[in-house]
Amino acid sequence: MHEVSIMTEAVRLAVAAAQAAGARQITGLRLRVGTLSGAAPEALTFAWDIVRRDTLAERAQLEIETIPATGWCATCRAEFAAADFLGECPRCHEPGGQLQHGRELEIAAVDFI
């Protein structure tokens, strides 16, 4: 369950940003998590409830935006829903499509007062 270490770092970065801005409290944290990122949103939420205790984020809300995996087929010149990293185009079955989205694992926003 590497999600605990991911959320620990996300909270550390959010707290550092809030402290640098002179904030008293973090009210929200929004993450962007790709479906091929290797992080499970349910596990991130579970970890969030643990790692935010006794921090500026103790009462903050967590929002996780799931980013679907998409690939680009150079042959068809079209984007497609990617099921994995192999990137086979569902139209022409050409392998090697370029993964466009789905690996994201990032902080999108930190709200504080």
Foldseek 3Di string as FASTA:
>chain_A
DCLLVLLLVQLVVLLVVCVVVVFQAWAEWEKEAFQAQPDDPVVNVVSNCPNCPPGSHNNHDYHYHYDFKWWADPVVRDIDGDPYPQCQDPPPRDTDTHTDDRNGTGTPDIHGD
